[in-house]
N, C-alpha and C. Protein backbone atom coordinates (compact mmCIF):
# COMPACT_ATOMS: atom_id res chain seq x y z
N MET A 1 8.06 -19.55 -3.33
CA MET A 1 7.60 -18.55 -2.37
C MET A 1 6.09 -18.43 -2.44
N LYS A 2 5.50 -18.11 -1.28
CA LYS A 2 4.05 -17.96 -1.22
C LYS A 2 3.73 -16.65 -0.52
N LEU A 3 2.85 -15.88 -1.14
CA LEU A 3 2.42 -14.60 -0.59
C LEU A 3 1.00 -14.71 -0.08
N PHE A 4 0.82 -14.48 1.23
CA PHE A 4 -0.54 -14.39 1.77
C PHE A 4 -1.17 -13.11 1.23
N HIS A 5 -2.34 -13.25 0.63
CA HIS A 5 -2.83 -12.25 -0.31
C HIS A 5 -4.31 -11.97 -0.11
N SER A 6 -4.66 -10.71 -0.19
CA SER A 6 -6.05 -10.28 -0.33
C SER A 6 -6.06 -9.13 -1.33
N PRO A 7 -6.87 -9.20 -2.37
CA PRO A 7 -6.84 -8.14 -3.38
C PRO A 7 -7.31 -6.79 -2.88
N ALA A 8 -7.98 -6.76 -1.73
CA ALA A 8 -8.47 -5.49 -1.18
C ALA A 8 -7.41 -4.77 -0.35
N SER A 9 -6.34 -5.45 0.03
CA SER A 9 -5.33 -4.85 0.89
C SER A 9 -4.39 -3.96 0.08
N PRO A 10 -4.25 -2.69 0.45
CA PRO A 10 -3.31 -1.83 -0.27
C PRO A 10 -1.86 -2.23 -0.04
N PHE A 11 -1.59 -2.85 1.11
CA PHE A 11 -0.22 -3.29 1.40
C PHE A 11 0.16 -4.51 0.55
N VAL A 12 -0.79 -5.41 0.36
CA VAL A 12 -0.56 -6.51 -0.58
C VAL A 12 -0.39 -5.97 -1.99
N ARG A 13 -1.20 -4.98 -2.34
CA ARG A 13 -1.10 -4.42 -3.69
C ARG A 13 0.29 -3.86 -3.95
N LYS A 14 0.90 -3.23 -2.96
CA LYS A 14 2.27 -2.73 -3.12
C LYS A 14 3.20 -3.84 -3.61
N VAL A 15 3.11 -5.00 -2.95
CA VAL A 15 3.97 -6.12 -3.32
C VAL A 15 3.66 -6.58 -4.75
N MET A 16 2.38 -6.66 -5.06
CA MET A 16 2.00 -7.13 -6.39
C MET A 16 2.43 -6.15 -7.48
N VAL A 17 2.31 -4.84 -7.22
CA VAL A 17 2.75 -3.86 -8.20
C VAL A 17 4.25 -4.01 -8.44
N LEU A 18 5.02 -4.17 -7.36
CA LEU A 18 6.46 -4.38 -7.54
C LEU A 18 6.73 -5.60 -8.42
N LEU A 19 6.06 -6.71 -8.13
CA LEU A 19 6.28 -7.92 -8.93
C LEU A 19 5.94 -7.69 -10.40
N HIS A 20 4.86 -6.98 -10.66
CA HIS A 20 4.50 -6.69 -12.05
C HIS A 20 5.50 -5.73 -12.69
N GLU A 21 5.95 -4.74 -11.94
CA GLU A 21 6.94 -3.81 -12.49
C GLU A 21 8.23 -4.54 -12.87
N LEU A 22 8.58 -5.58 -12.11
CA LEU A 22 9.80 -6.34 -12.39
C LEU A 22 9.54 -7.53 -13.30
N ASP A 23 8.30 -7.68 -13.76
CA ASP A 23 7.91 -8.79 -14.63
C ASP A 23 8.18 -10.14 -13.97
N ARG A 24 7.88 -10.22 -12.66
CA ARG A 24 8.11 -11.47 -11.93
C ARG A 24 6.87 -11.90 -11.16
N ALA A 25 5.71 -11.51 -11.62
CA ALA A 25 4.47 -11.87 -10.91
C ALA A 25 4.28 -13.38 -10.82
N ASP A 26 4.82 -14.11 -11.79
CA ASP A 26 4.66 -15.56 -11.79
C ASP A 26 5.64 -16.27 -10.86
N ALA A 27 6.51 -15.54 -10.19
CA ALA A 27 7.51 -16.15 -9.32
C ALA A 27 6.98 -16.40 -7.91
N VAL A 28 5.79 -15.90 -7.61
CA VAL A 28 5.25 -16.00 -6.26
C VAL A 28 3.85 -16.61 -6.33
N GLU A 29 3.64 -17.65 -5.53
CA GLU A 29 2.32 -18.26 -5.42
C GLU A 29 1.46 -17.41 -4.49
N LEU A 30 0.20 -17.21 -4.87
CA LEU A 30 -0.71 -16.41 -4.05
C LEU A 30 -1.57 -17.33 -3.19
N ALA A 31 -1.59 -17.05 -1.89
CA ALA A 31 -2.46 -17.78 -0.96
C ALA A 31 -3.52 -16.81 -0.48
N SER A 32 -4.70 -16.88 -1.07
CA SER A 32 -5.76 -15.93 -0.74
C SER A 32 -6.34 -16.23 0.64
N VAL A 33 -6.48 -15.19 1.44
CA VAL A 33 -7.05 -15.35 2.77
C VAL A 33 -8.11 -14.28 3.00
N VAL A 34 -9.06 -14.61 3.86
CA VAL A 34 -10.05 -13.64 4.33
C VAL A 34 -9.75 -13.42 5.80
N THR A 35 -9.35 -12.21 6.14
CA THR A 35 -8.92 -11.96 7.52
C THR A 35 -9.26 -10.54 7.91
N THR A 36 -9.52 -10.31 9.19
CA THR A 36 -9.72 -8.96 9.72
C THR A 36 -8.98 -8.87 11.04
N ALA A 37 -8.93 -7.67 11.60
CA ALA A 37 -8.27 -7.47 12.88
C ALA A 37 -8.97 -8.24 14.00
N LEU A 38 -10.26 -8.56 13.82
CA LEU A 38 -11.01 -9.27 14.85
C LEU A 38 -11.16 -10.75 14.57
N ALA A 39 -10.87 -11.17 13.37
CA ALA A 39 -11.03 -12.58 13.00
C ALA A 39 -9.89 -12.96 12.05
N SER A 40 -8.75 -13.27 12.63
CA SER A 40 -7.55 -13.53 11.83
C SER A 40 -7.57 -14.94 11.25
N ASP A 41 -7.12 -15.04 10.02
CA ASP A 41 -7.00 -16.33 9.35
C ASP A 41 -5.95 -17.18 10.08
N GLU A 42 -6.27 -18.46 10.30
CA GLU A 42 -5.38 -19.33 11.07
C GLU A 42 -4.05 -19.56 10.35
N ALA A 43 -4.08 -19.76 9.06
CA ALA A 43 -2.83 -19.98 8.33
C ALA A 43 -1.96 -18.73 8.35
N LEU A 44 -2.61 -17.57 8.28
CA LEU A 44 -1.85 -16.32 8.34
C LEU A 44 -1.22 -16.15 9.72
N LYS A 45 -1.95 -16.48 10.79
CA LYS A 45 -1.39 -16.39 12.14
C LYS A 45 -0.19 -17.30 12.30
N ALA A 46 -0.24 -18.48 11.68
CA ALA A 46 0.89 -19.41 11.78
C ALA A 46 2.12 -18.87 11.05
N ALA A 47 1.88 -18.12 9.97
CA ALA A 47 3.00 -17.57 9.19
C ALA A 47 3.53 -16.28 9.78
N ASN A 48 2.64 -15.46 10.30
CA ASN A 48 3.00 -14.15 10.82
C ASN A 48 2.32 -13.97 12.18
N PRO A 49 3.08 -13.93 13.27
CA PRO A 49 2.45 -13.84 14.60
C PRO A 49 1.60 -12.59 14.78
N LEU A 50 1.83 -11.55 13.96
CA LEU A 50 1.00 -10.36 14.03
C LEU A 50 -0.30 -10.52 13.25
N ALA A 51 -0.39 -11.60 12.45
CA ALA A 51 -1.60 -11.91 11.66
C ALA A 51 -1.98 -10.77 10.73
N ARG A 52 -0.98 -10.11 10.15
CA ARG A 52 -1.23 -9.01 9.23
C ARG A 52 -0.74 -9.37 7.83
N LEU A 53 -1.45 -8.83 6.86
CA LEU A 53 -1.05 -8.96 5.47
C LEU A 53 -0.15 -7.80 5.08
N PRO A 54 0.79 -8.07 4.14
CA PRO A 54 1.13 -9.34 3.53
C PRO A 54 2.17 -10.10 4.35
N ALA A 55 2.32 -11.38 4.04
CA ALA A 55 3.39 -12.20 4.58
C ALA A 55 3.92 -13.07 3.44
N LEU A 56 5.23 -13.26 3.40
CA LEU A 56 5.86 -14.01 2.31
C LEU A 56 6.65 -15.17 2.90
N THR A 57 6.22 -16.39 2.61
CA THR A 57 6.98 -17.56 3.04
C THR A 57 8.04 -17.87 2.00
N ARG A 58 9.19 -18.33 2.49
CA ARG A 58 10.32 -18.65 1.61
C ARG A 58 10.78 -20.07 1.89
N PRO A 59 11.27 -20.78 0.87
CA PRO A 59 11.73 -22.15 1.10
C PRO A 59 13.04 -22.22 1.87
N ASP A 60 13.77 -21.12 1.93
CA ASP A 60 15.11 -21.17 2.51
C ASP A 60 15.33 -20.11 3.58
N GLY A 61 14.26 -19.69 4.26
CA GLY A 61 14.43 -18.67 5.28
C GLY A 61 13.14 -18.38 6.00
N ALA A 62 13.24 -17.50 6.98
CA ALA A 62 12.06 -17.15 7.78
C ALA A 62 11.02 -16.45 6.92
N THR A 63 9.76 -16.59 7.33
CA THR A 63 8.69 -15.83 6.68
C THR A 63 8.92 -14.34 6.89
N LEU A 64 8.76 -13.58 5.82
CA LEU A 64 8.91 -12.13 5.89
C LEU A 64 7.54 -11.49 6.00
N TYR A 65 7.45 -10.43 6.79
CA TYR A 65 6.20 -9.67 6.87
C TYR A 65 6.50 -8.20 7.06
N ASP A 66 5.48 -7.40 6.83
CA ASP A 66 5.51 -5.95 6.64
C ASP A 66 5.86 -5.71 5.16
N SER A 67 5.02 -4.92 4.51
CA SER A 67 5.18 -4.75 3.06
C SER A 67 6.54 -4.17 2.70
N ARG A 68 7.10 -3.28 3.55
CA ARG A 68 8.38 -2.68 3.22
C ARG A 68 9.51 -3.70 3.26
N VAL A 69 9.42 -4.65 4.19
CA VAL A 69 10.43 -5.72 4.24
C VAL A 69 10.31 -6.60 3.00
N ILE A 70 9.09 -6.96 2.65
CA ILE A 70 8.88 -7.87 1.52
C ILE A 70 9.29 -7.21 0.21
N THR A 71 8.92 -5.96 0.00
CA THR A 71 9.27 -5.32 -1.27
C THR A 71 10.77 -5.10 -1.38
N ALA A 72 11.43 -4.76 -0.29
CA ALA A 72 12.89 -4.60 -0.33
C ALA A 72 13.55 -5.94 -0.65
N TYR A 73 13.06 -7.01 -0.05
CA TYR A 73 13.62 -8.34 -0.31
C TYR A 73 13.43 -8.74 -1.77
N LEU A 74 12.21 -8.61 -2.28
CA LEU A 74 11.95 -9.01 -3.66
C LEU A 74 12.71 -8.14 -4.66
N ASN A 75 12.82 -6.86 -4.37
CA ASN A 75 13.58 -5.98 -5.24
C ASN A 75 15.04 -6.44 -5.33
N ASP A 76 15.64 -6.80 -4.20
CA ASP A 76 17.01 -7.30 -4.20
C ASP A 76 17.10 -8.66 -4.88
N LEU A 77 16.16 -9.54 -4.57
CA LEU A 77 16.19 -10.89 -5.11
C LEU A 77 16.15 -10.89 -6.63
N PHE A 78 15.32 -10.02 -7.19
CA PHE A 78 15.14 -10.01 -8.65
C PHE A 78 15.94 -8.91 -9.34
N GLY A 79 16.83 -8.28 -8.62
CA GLY A 79 17.70 -7.28 -9.24
C GLY A 79 16.95 -6.06 -9.72
N GLY A 80 15.92 -5.65 -8.99
CA GLY A 80 15.15 -4.48 -9.39
C GLY A 80 15.84 -3.19 -9.02
N GLY A 81 15.29 -2.10 -9.51
CA GLY A 81 15.85 -0.79 -9.24
C GLY A 81 14.88 0.14 -8.54
N LEU A 82 13.92 -0.43 -7.80
CA LEU A 82 12.88 0.39 -7.19
C LEU A 82 13.29 0.97 -5.84
N TYR A 83 14.44 0.57 -5.34
CA TYR A 83 15.01 1.19 -4.14
C TYR A 83 16.36 1.78 -4.52
N PRO A 84 16.42 3.06 -4.88
CA PRO A 84 17.69 3.67 -5.27
C PRO A 84 18.72 3.54 -4.14
N GLN A 85 19.96 3.27 -4.50
CA GLN A 85 21.01 3.13 -3.51
C GLN A 85 21.91 4.35 -3.42
N THR A 86 21.73 5.29 -4.33
CA THR A 86 22.55 6.50 -4.30
C THR A 86 21.63 7.72 -4.29
N ALA A 87 21.65 8.51 -5.34
CA ALA A 87 20.83 9.72 -5.39
C ALA A 87 19.35 9.37 -5.29
N GLY A 88 18.65 10.06 -4.42
CA GLY A 88 17.21 9.87 -4.28
C GLY A 88 16.80 8.77 -3.33
N ARG A 89 17.76 8.10 -2.69
CA ARG A 89 17.40 6.97 -1.82
C ARG A 89 16.49 7.41 -0.68
N TRP A 90 16.89 8.46 0.03
CA TRP A 90 16.13 8.84 1.22
C TRP A 90 14.79 9.45 0.84
N GLU A 91 14.75 10.12 -0.29
CA GLU A 91 13.46 10.63 -0.77
C GLU A 91 12.51 9.48 -1.10
N ALA A 92 13.04 8.46 -1.77
CA ALA A 92 12.19 7.30 -2.11
C ALA A 92 11.67 6.62 -0.85
N LEU A 93 12.52 6.46 0.15
CA LEU A 93 12.09 5.82 1.39
C LEU A 93 11.07 6.67 2.13
N THR A 94 11.26 7.99 2.11
CA THR A 94 10.30 8.87 2.78
C THR A 94 8.96 8.88 2.05
N LEU A 95 9.00 8.87 0.71
CA LEU A 95 7.75 8.77 -0.04
C LEU A 95 7.05 7.46 0.27
N GLU A 96 7.79 6.36 0.37
CA GLU A 96 7.17 5.09 0.70
C GLU A 96 6.53 5.15 2.09
N ALA A 97 7.24 5.74 3.04
CA ALA A 97 6.68 5.87 4.38
C ALA A 97 5.42 6.74 4.38
N THR A 98 5.40 7.77 3.55
CA THR A 98 4.22 8.63 3.45
C THR A 98 3.03 7.86 2.89
N GLY A 99 3.26 7.14 1.80
CA GLY A 99 2.19 6.33 1.24
C GLY A 99 1.70 5.29 2.22
N ASP A 100 2.62 4.62 2.91
CA ASP A 100 2.23 3.60 3.88
C ASP A 100 1.44 4.23 5.03
N GLY A 101 1.84 5.43 5.45
CA GLY A 101 1.11 6.10 6.52
C GLY A 101 -0.31 6.46 6.12
N ILE A 102 -0.47 6.90 4.88
CA ILE A 102 -1.83 7.16 4.37
C ILE A 102 -2.65 5.88 4.42
N MET A 103 -2.06 4.78 3.98
CA MET A 103 -2.77 3.49 4.02
C MET A 103 -3.14 3.11 5.44
N ASP A 104 -2.20 3.26 6.37
CA ASP A 104 -2.48 2.91 7.77
C ASP A 104 -3.70 3.67 8.29
N SER A 105 -3.72 4.97 8.07
CA SER A 105 -4.84 5.77 8.56
C SER A 105 -6.14 5.43 7.84
N ALA A 106 -6.06 5.20 6.53
CA ALA A 106 -7.27 4.87 5.78
C ALA A 106 -7.84 3.53 6.20
N VAL A 107 -6.98 2.52 6.39
CA VAL A 107 -7.46 1.22 6.85
C VAL A 107 -8.06 1.34 8.24
N SER A 108 -7.46 2.16 9.09
CA SER A 108 -8.00 2.38 10.43
C SER A 108 -9.41 2.97 10.37
N MET A 109 -9.62 3.92 9.46
CA MET A 109 -10.95 4.49 9.29
C MET A 109 -11.95 3.43 8.84
N VAL A 110 -11.55 2.61 7.89
CA VAL A 110 -12.44 1.58 7.37
C VAL A 110 -12.78 0.57 8.47
N TYR A 111 -11.77 0.16 9.24
CA TYR A 111 -12.02 -0.80 10.32
C TYR A 111 -12.96 -0.22 11.38
N GLU A 112 -12.79 1.05 11.70
CA GLU A 112 -13.65 1.67 12.70
C GLU A 112 -15.12 1.57 12.29
N LYS A 113 -15.39 1.76 11.00
CA LYS A 113 -16.77 1.72 10.51
C LYS A 113 -17.27 0.29 10.30
N ARG A 114 -16.37 -0.59 9.89
CA ARG A 114 -16.82 -1.94 9.50
C ARG A 114 -16.80 -2.93 10.65
N LEU A 115 -15.88 -2.76 11.60
CA LEU A 115 -15.67 -3.80 12.60
C LEU A 115 -16.23 -3.45 13.98
N ARG A 116 -16.45 -2.17 14.25
CA ARG A 116 -16.97 -1.79 15.56
C ARG A 116 -18.47 -1.55 15.49
N PRO A 117 -19.20 -1.93 16.53
CA PRO A 117 -20.64 -1.63 16.55
C PRO A 117 -20.86 -0.13 16.42
N GLU A 118 -21.95 0.24 15.79
CA GLU A 118 -22.18 1.65 15.50
C GLU A 118 -22.13 2.51 16.76
N GLU A 119 -22.66 2.01 17.88
CA GLU A 119 -22.70 2.81 19.09
C GLU A 119 -21.31 3.00 19.72
N LYS A 120 -20.34 2.22 19.28
CA LYS A 120 -18.98 2.33 19.81
C LYS A 120 -18.02 3.03 18.85
N GLN A 121 -18.50 3.38 17.69
CA GLN A 121 -17.63 4.04 16.72
C GLN A 121 -17.33 5.47 17.17
N SER A 122 -16.10 5.90 16.92
CA SER A 122 -15.66 7.23 17.33
C SER A 122 -15.50 8.11 16.11
N SER A 123 -16.36 9.09 15.96
CA SER A 123 -16.21 10.03 14.85
C SER A 123 -14.96 10.87 15.03
N ASP A 124 -14.59 11.15 16.28
CA ASP A 124 -13.35 11.90 16.52
C ASP A 124 -12.14 11.13 16.02
N TRP A 125 -12.13 9.82 16.27
CA TRP A 125 -11.02 8.98 15.80
C TRP A 125 -10.97 8.99 14.27
N ILE A 126 -12.12 8.82 13.65
CA ILE A 126 -12.18 8.79 12.19
C ILE A 126 -11.66 10.10 11.61
N GLU A 127 -12.12 11.20 12.16
CA GLU A 127 -11.70 12.50 11.62
C GLU A 127 -10.23 12.79 11.90
N ALA A 128 -9.71 12.30 13.02
CA ALA A 128 -8.29 12.47 13.31
C ALA A 128 -7.44 11.71 12.30
N GLN A 129 -7.91 10.52 11.91
CA GLN A 129 -7.17 9.76 10.89
C GLN A 129 -7.24 10.47 9.54
N TRP A 130 -8.41 11.01 9.22
CA TRP A 130 -8.51 11.73 7.94
C TRP A 130 -7.65 12.98 7.95
N ALA A 131 -7.52 13.63 9.09
CA ALA A 131 -6.68 14.82 9.16
C ALA A 131 -5.23 14.47 8.84
N LYS A 132 -4.77 13.31 9.31
CA LYS A 132 -3.41 12.86 8.97
C LYS A 132 -3.28 12.65 7.47
N ILE A 133 -4.27 12.00 6.88
CA ILE A 133 -4.25 11.76 5.44
C ILE A 133 -4.24 13.08 4.68
N ALA A 134 -5.10 13.99 5.09
CA ALA A 134 -5.21 15.28 4.39
C ALA A 134 -3.90 16.05 4.46
N ARG A 135 -3.22 16.02 5.61
CA ARG A 135 -1.92 16.70 5.71
C ARG A 135 -0.90 16.06 4.79
N ALA A 136 -0.90 14.74 4.73
CA ALA A 136 0.04 14.04 3.86
C ALA A 136 -0.24 14.35 2.39
N LEU A 137 -1.51 14.41 2.02
CA LEU A 137 -1.86 14.75 0.64
C LEU A 137 -1.39 16.15 0.28
N ARG A 138 -1.59 17.09 1.18
CA ARG A 138 -1.16 18.46 0.92
C ARG A 138 0.36 18.53 0.77
N ALA A 139 1.07 17.78 1.62
CA ALA A 139 2.53 17.77 1.52
C ALA A 139 2.98 17.17 0.20
N LEU A 140 2.36 16.08 -0.22
CA LEU A 140 2.72 15.48 -1.51
C LEU A 140 2.47 16.46 -2.65
N ASP A 141 1.32 17.14 -2.59
CA ASP A 141 0.93 18.04 -3.67
C ASP A 141 1.81 19.29 -3.72
N SER A 142 2.29 19.74 -2.58
CA SER A 142 3.03 21.01 -2.55
C SER A 142 4.54 20.84 -2.49
N LEU A 143 5.02 19.70 -1.95
CA LEU A 143 6.46 19.55 -1.71
C LEU A 143 7.13 18.42 -2.48
N TRP A 144 6.37 17.47 -2.96
CA TRP A 144 6.98 16.24 -3.47
C TRP A 144 6.76 15.99 -4.96
N MET A 145 6.15 16.91 -5.66
CA MET A 145 5.83 16.62 -7.06
C MET A 145 7.09 16.45 -7.92
N SER A 146 8.16 17.17 -7.61
CA SER A 146 9.38 16.99 -8.41
C SER A 146 9.92 15.58 -8.25
N HIS A 147 9.82 15.02 -7.06
CA HIS A 147 10.28 13.65 -6.84
C HIS A 147 9.34 12.65 -7.50
N LEU A 148 8.04 12.90 -7.38
CA LEU A 148 7.08 11.99 -8.01
C LEU A 148 7.19 12.03 -9.53
N SER A 149 7.73 13.10 -10.07
CA SER A 149 7.91 13.20 -11.53
C SER A 149 9.19 12.53 -12.00
N GLY A 150 10.00 12.03 -11.06
CA GLY A 150 11.26 11.40 -11.41
C GLY A 150 11.11 9.91 -11.67
N PRO A 151 12.24 9.19 -11.75
CA PRO A 151 12.21 7.75 -12.01
C PRO A 151 11.38 7.00 -10.97
N VAL A 152 10.66 5.99 -11.42
CA VAL A 152 9.76 5.25 -10.55
C VAL A 152 10.54 4.48 -9.49
N SER A 153 10.10 4.64 -8.24
CA SER A 153 10.68 3.93 -7.11
C SER A 153 9.54 3.34 -6.28
N MET A 154 9.90 2.65 -5.19
CA MET A 154 8.86 2.15 -4.31
C MET A 154 8.09 3.28 -3.65
N GLY A 155 8.68 4.47 -3.59
CA GLY A 155 7.92 5.62 -3.10
C GLY A 155 6.73 5.90 -3.99
N HIS A 156 6.96 5.88 -5.29
CA HIS A 156 5.86 6.08 -6.24
C HIS A 156 4.80 4.99 -6.07
N VAL A 157 5.26 3.75 -5.95
CA VAL A 157 4.33 2.63 -5.85
C VAL A 157 3.47 2.76 -4.59
N SER A 158 4.11 3.09 -3.47
CA SER A 158 3.36 3.22 -2.22
C SER A 158 2.33 4.34 -2.30
N VAL A 159 2.75 5.50 -2.79
CA VAL A 159 1.81 6.61 -2.92
C VAL A 159 0.68 6.24 -3.88
N GLY A 160 1.01 5.62 -5.00
CA GLY A 160 -0.01 5.22 -5.95
C GLY A 160 -1.01 4.25 -5.35
N CYS A 161 -0.52 3.27 -4.59
CA CYS A 161 -1.43 2.30 -3.97
C CYS A 161 -2.27 2.97 -2.88
N ALA A 162 -1.68 3.93 -2.18
CA ALA A 162 -2.44 4.65 -1.15
C ALA A 162 -3.58 5.44 -1.78
N LEU A 163 -3.30 6.15 -2.85
CA LEU A 163 -4.34 6.94 -3.50
C LEU A 163 -5.40 6.03 -4.10
N GLY A 164 -4.98 4.91 -4.65
CA GLY A 164 -5.94 3.94 -5.16
C GLY A 164 -6.85 3.41 -4.07
N TYR A 165 -6.29 3.22 -2.87
CA TYR A 165 -7.12 2.74 -1.76
C TYR A 165 -8.12 3.80 -1.31
N LEU A 166 -7.71 5.07 -1.35
CA LEU A 166 -8.67 6.13 -1.03
C LEU A 166 -9.83 6.12 -2.01
N ASP A 167 -9.55 5.91 -3.28
CA ASP A 167 -10.63 5.79 -4.27
C ASP A 167 -11.50 4.58 -3.98
N PHE A 168 -10.88 3.49 -3.58
CA PHE A 168 -11.56 2.21 -3.37
C PHE A 168 -12.49 2.24 -2.16
N ARG A 169 -11.99 2.76 -1.04
CA ARG A 169 -12.75 2.68 0.21
C ARG A 169 -13.29 4.02 0.73
N LEU A 170 -12.65 5.12 0.34
CA LEU A 170 -13.03 6.42 0.91
C LEU A 170 -13.28 7.44 -0.19
N ASN A 171 -13.88 7.01 -1.26
CA ASN A 171 -14.05 7.88 -2.42
C ASN A 171 -14.89 9.12 -2.10
N ALA A 172 -15.82 9.00 -1.17
CA ALA A 172 -16.68 10.14 -0.83
C ALA A 172 -15.89 11.29 -0.22
N ARG A 173 -14.69 11.02 0.26
CA ARG A 173 -13.86 12.08 0.85
C ARG A 173 -13.26 13.01 -0.22
N ASN A 174 -13.27 12.57 -1.47
CA ASN A 174 -12.80 13.39 -2.59
C ASN A 174 -11.40 13.96 -2.33
N TRP A 175 -10.44 13.06 -2.19
CA TRP A 175 -9.07 13.48 -1.87
C TRP A 175 -8.47 14.40 -2.93
N ARG A 176 -8.99 14.35 -4.16
CA ARG A 176 -8.42 15.17 -5.24
C ARG A 176 -8.67 16.68 -5.05
N HIS A 177 -9.71 17.03 -4.31
CA HIS A 177 -10.06 18.44 -4.13
C HIS A 177 -8.90 19.19 -3.46
N GLY A 178 -8.40 20.21 -4.13
CA GLY A 178 -7.31 20.99 -3.61
C GLY A 178 -5.94 20.39 -3.80
N ASN A 179 -5.88 19.22 -4.41
CA ASN A 179 -4.60 18.54 -4.67
C ASN A 179 -4.46 18.27 -6.17
N ASP A 180 -4.53 19.33 -6.95
CA ASP A 180 -4.61 19.19 -8.40
C ASP A 180 -3.38 18.53 -9.01
N ALA A 181 -2.20 18.93 -8.56
CA ALA A 181 -0.98 18.36 -9.13
C ALA A 181 -0.87 16.88 -8.81
N LEU A 182 -1.19 16.52 -7.58
CA LEU A 182 -1.14 15.11 -7.18
C LEU A 182 -2.18 14.29 -7.94
N ALA A 183 -3.37 14.85 -8.12
CA ALA A 183 -4.42 14.15 -8.88
C ALA A 183 -3.99 13.91 -10.31
N ALA A 184 -3.34 14.90 -10.94
CA ALA A 184 -2.87 14.74 -12.31
C ALA A 184 -1.78 13.69 -12.38
N TRP A 185 -0.88 13.68 -11.41
CA TRP A 185 0.17 12.65 -11.38
C TRP A 185 -0.45 11.27 -11.25
N PHE A 186 -1.42 11.12 -10.34
CA PHE A 186 -2.01 9.81 -10.11
C PHE A 186 -2.74 9.31 -11.35
N GLU A 187 -3.38 10.19 -12.08
CA GLU A 187 -4.06 9.76 -13.30
C GLU A 187 -3.07 9.08 -14.25
N ARG A 188 -1.88 9.65 -14.36
CA ARG A 188 -0.85 9.06 -15.23
C ARG A 188 -0.30 7.77 -14.62
N PHE A 189 0.01 7.80 -13.34
CA PHE A 189 0.63 6.63 -12.71
C PHE A 189 -0.34 5.46 -12.66
N ASP A 190 -1.60 5.74 -12.44
CA ASP A 190 -2.61 4.70 -12.31
C ASP A 190 -2.85 3.96 -13.63
N ALA A 191 -2.39 4.55 -14.72
CA ALA A 191 -2.54 3.91 -16.03
C ALA A 191 -1.40 2.93 -16.33
N ARG A 192 -0.40 2.84 -15.45
CA ARG A 192 0.68 1.89 -15.69
C ARG A 192 0.14 0.47 -15.68
N PRO A 193 0.67 -0.41 -16.53
CA PRO A 193 0.17 -1.79 -16.56
C PRO A 193 0.19 -2.48 -15.20
N ALA A 194 1.20 -2.21 -14.39
CA ALA A 194 1.28 -2.85 -13.07
C ALA A 194 0.14 -2.42 -12.18
N MET A 195 -0.29 -1.17 -12.29
CA MET A 195 -1.42 -0.70 -11.51
C MET A 195 -2.73 -1.28 -12.05
N GLU A 196 -2.86 -1.31 -13.35
CA GLU A 196 -4.08 -1.86 -13.94
C GLU A 196 -4.25 -3.34 -13.61
N ALA A 197 -3.14 -4.07 -13.54
CA ALA A 197 -3.20 -5.51 -13.29
C ALA A 197 -3.52 -5.83 -11.84
N THR A 198 -3.42 -4.86 -10.94
CA THR A 198 -3.59 -5.12 -9.51
C THR A 198 -4.75 -4.39 -8.89
N ARG A 199 -5.67 -3.90 -9.69
CA ARG A 199 -6.78 -3.14 -9.14
C ARG A 199 -7.60 -4.01 -8.19
N PRO A 200 -8.04 -3.46 -7.05
CA PRO A 200 -8.91 -4.22 -6.16
C PRO A 200 -10.27 -4.45 -6.79
N PRO A 201 -11.01 -5.42 -6.28
CA PRO A 201 -12.36 -5.65 -6.80
C PRO A 201 -13.26 -4.46 -6.48
N ALA A 202 -14.38 -4.40 -7.15
CA ALA A 202 -15.34 -3.32 -6.89
C ALA A 202 -15.74 -3.34 -5.42
N ALA A 203 -15.80 -2.14 -4.84
CA ALA A 203 -16.12 -2.05 -3.39
C ALA A 203 -17.54 -2.53 -3.13
């Protein structure tokens, strides 16, 4: 199997954290690509018509894309337990969706600043995306800490990678302010070997 990979992508990091958590990081070949929404890598476009990271090619099936599809597949393939099938299943999936949504909005903010000419950038768009992130952070801090304190699932991984991306690309926003419980949880979760092994390069 081959994973189209960029160390800066929080969605790729989700896949890599899962592989490290399952001790199967060596089971997937990494194909490093440099790609943006405006200049897509040709090999990535051939593998994934949406030209988005991550994408996972398989020797015996169609290429998989979207991080949630890939992580669910790898979890099943390697007999992992990061997607609960009984108690806590829907909470884990909702936490994963929350983390992924934070990533979506954060990447959108970064693209607006990095890919659009300054005179065409929309501060209203940027602030609307941050408002979504801020609401999600408040919900995690006030409603989800009991779940985040439970057994590790892909929900934990997604939220952890999302918060790591905020530190990586949007650190000036100081997401920890007013989210003390979430910040304390992330300090512990971020120290896991799988998180340490997948840190993005310095911004």
